[in-house]
Amino acid sequence: QVHLAEFGGGSVQAGASLRLSCVGSGRIQSTFRTWFRQAPGKEREFVAALSWTHGDPYYAGSVMGRFTISRDAAENTMYLQMTSLQHEDTVVYYCAAGRAVISSNLRIGAAYALWGRGTQVTVTS
């Protein structure tokens, strides 16, 4: 059985940094692994994606320059290093994996078959 689990969420002050981890269990076949986030009552939003084969990163414009996605493939783990956190970053962050994801659909949640349960990030002023 395969699954993803997010770790590292918490409450921080504006301007602080936080690193999220997405730990995979089992043999997860994926072309991309990706971070999404969702606020209550709002649409799920793409944050950052990583080509699991080549390691190429993709970012949403809202986080470009502040967030960095990376991986430790040997540990089946993906990271999201978040810096200069803002109140608008206060949401639940989810990681996802998909084996049919390509560059043209990596921002679409429906392209991903495997999801974690999410981790809450709260940024206070």
Protein backbone atom coordinates (compact mmCIF):
# COMPACT_ATOMS: atom_id res chain seq x y z
CA GLN A 1 0.00 0.00 0.00
CA VAL A 2 1.31 3.41 -0.91
CA HIS A 3 0.61 6.72 0.68
CA LEU A 4 1.98 10.22 1.24
CA ALA A 5 2.21 12.05 4.54
CA GLU A 6 2.97 15.72 5.13
CA PHE A 7 4.94 17.00 8.10
CA GLY A 8 6.28 20.31 9.29
CA GLY A 9 3.27 22.58 9.45
CA GLY A 10 2.76 24.93 12.35
CA SER A 11 2.24 28.49 13.45
CA VAL A 12 4.91 31.09 12.68
CA GLN A 13 5.15 34.85 12.55
CA ALA A 14 5.10 36.78 9.31
CA GLY A 15 8.53 36.85 7.72
CA ALA A 16 9.57 33.55 9.21
CA SER A 17 10.53 30.34 7.43
CA LEU A 18 9.16 26.83 7.58
CA ARG A 19 10.02 23.58 5.86
CA LEU A 20 7.38 21.06 4.94
CA SER A 21 8.14 17.41 4.21
CA CYS A 22 6.16 14.95 2.15
CA VAL A 23 7.18 11.40 2.99
CA GLY A 24 6.21 8.63 0.65
CA SER A 25 5.61 5.07 1.75
CA GLY A 26 5.73 2.13 -0.57
CA ARG A 27 6.71 2.05 -4.20
CA ILE A 28 5.18 5.23 -5.61
CA GLN A 29 5.38 5.57 -9.35
CA SER A 30 5.28 9.24 -10.22
CA THR A 31 6.40 11.57 -12.96
CA PHE A 32 5.69 14.58 -10.78
CA ARG A 33 5.22 15.24 -7.09
CA THR A 34 3.60 18.47 -6.22
CA TRP A 35 2.52 20.79 -3.45
CA PHE A 36 -0.95 22.28 -3.48
CA ARG A 37 -2.67 24.37 -0.87
CA GLN A 38 -6.24 25.17 -0.05
CA ALA A 39 -7.93 27.68 2.17
CA PRO A 40 -11.41 27.02 3.59
CA GLY A 41 -14.07 27.74 1.01
CA LYS A 42 -11.55 28.37 -1.75
CA GLU A 43 -10.27 26.45 -4.73
CA ARG A 44 -7.23 24.26 -4.37
CA GLU A 45 -4.18 26.17 -5.54
CA PHE A 46 -1.01 24.90 -7.19
CA VAL A 47 2.14 25.84 -5.29
CA ALA A 48 5.13 23.98 -6.69
CA ALA A 49 5.92 20.80 -8.58
CA LEU A 50 8.98 18.67 -9.05
CA SER A 51 9.74 16.36 -11.93
CA TRP A 52 10.54 13.18 -10.04
CA THR A 53 12.56 11.85 -12.94
CA HIS A 54 14.65 14.91 -13.76
CA GLY A 55 14.31 17.08 -10.66
CA ASP A 56 13.07 20.14 -12.59
CA PRO A 57 11.04 22.53 -10.40
CA TYR A 58 7.95 24.52 -11.33
CA TYR A 59 6.46 27.28 -9.20
CA ALA A 60 3.32 29.33 -8.94
CA GLY A 61 3.97 33.01 -9.44
CA SER A 62 2.75 33.80 -5.94
CA VAL A 63 5.56 31.82 -4.33
CA MET A 64 8.35 32.26 -6.86
CA GLY A 65 11.50 33.42 -5.11
CA ARG A 66 10.13 32.60 -1.64
CA PHE A 67 9.52 28.85 -1.78
CA THR A 68 11.90 26.12 -2.90
CA ILE A 69 10.87 22.58 -3.75
CA SER A 70 13.39 19.79 -3.46
CA ARG A 71 13.65 16.08 -2.84
CA ASP A 72 15.61 13.26 -1.34
CA ALA A 73 14.73 10.51 -3.76
CA ALA A 74 16.55 7.88 -1.74
CA GLU A 75 14.32 8.72 1.24
CA ASN A 76 11.21 9.00 -0.96
CA THR A 77 10.73 12.48 0.46
CA MET A 78 9.92 15.85 -1.02
CA TYR A 79 10.38 19.18 0.71
CA LEU A 80 8.97 22.67 0.47
CA GLN A 81 11.19 25.30 2.01
CA MET A 82 9.09 28.38 2.63
CA THR A 83 10.64 31.75 3.44
CA SER A 84 9.27 35.25 3.97
CA LEU A 85 5.93 33.76 4.95
CA GLN A 86 2.94 36.05 4.68
CA HIS A 87 -0.53 35.94 6.18
CA GLU A 88 -1.83 34.87 2.75
CA ASP A 89 0.22 31.67 3.07
CA THR A 90 -2.05 30.55 5.93
CA VAL A 91 -3.71 27.47 4.49
CA VAL A 92 -3.55 23.67 4.49
CA TYR A 93 -0.73 22.33 2.33
CA TYR A 94 -1.09 19.01 0.53
CA CYS A 95 1.39 16.95 -1.40
CA ALA A 96 0.39 14.82 -4.34
CA ALA A 97 1.94 12.34 -6.74
CA GLY A 98 0.89 11.36 -10.22
CA ARG A 99 2.38 9.00 -12.76
CA ALA A 100 0.61 10.45 -15.76
CA VAL A 101 1.42 14.07 -15.00
CA ILE A 102 3.22 16.08 -17.63
CA SER A 103 4.31 19.68 -17.83
CA SER A 104 1.03 20.78 -19.41
CA ASN A 105 -1.20 19.49 -16.59
CA LEU A 106 1.03 19.60 -13.52
CA ARG A 107 -0.92 22.55 -12.09
CA ILE A 108 -4.20 20.63 -12.20
CA GLY A 109 -5.13 18.71 -9.08
CA ALA A 110 -7.22 16.18 -10.98
CA ALA A 111 -4.05 14.93 -12.69
CA TYR A 112 -2.81 13.45 -9.40
CA ALA A 113 -3.94 10.10 -8.07
CA LEU A 114 -2.23 10.03 -4.68
CA TRP A 115 -2.66 12.67 -1.99
CA GLY A 116 -1.56 13.25 1.54
CA ARG A 117 -3.92 14.42 4.28
CA GLY A 118 -2.41 17.88 4.52
CA THR A 119 -0.62 19.96 7.09
CA GLN A 120 -1.79 23.32 8.41
CA VAL A 121 0.43 26.37 8.15
CA THR A 122 -0.61 29.47 10.05
CA VAL A 123 1.20 32.78 9.66
CA THR A 124 0.50 35.38 12.31
CA SER A 125 1.29 39.07 12.17
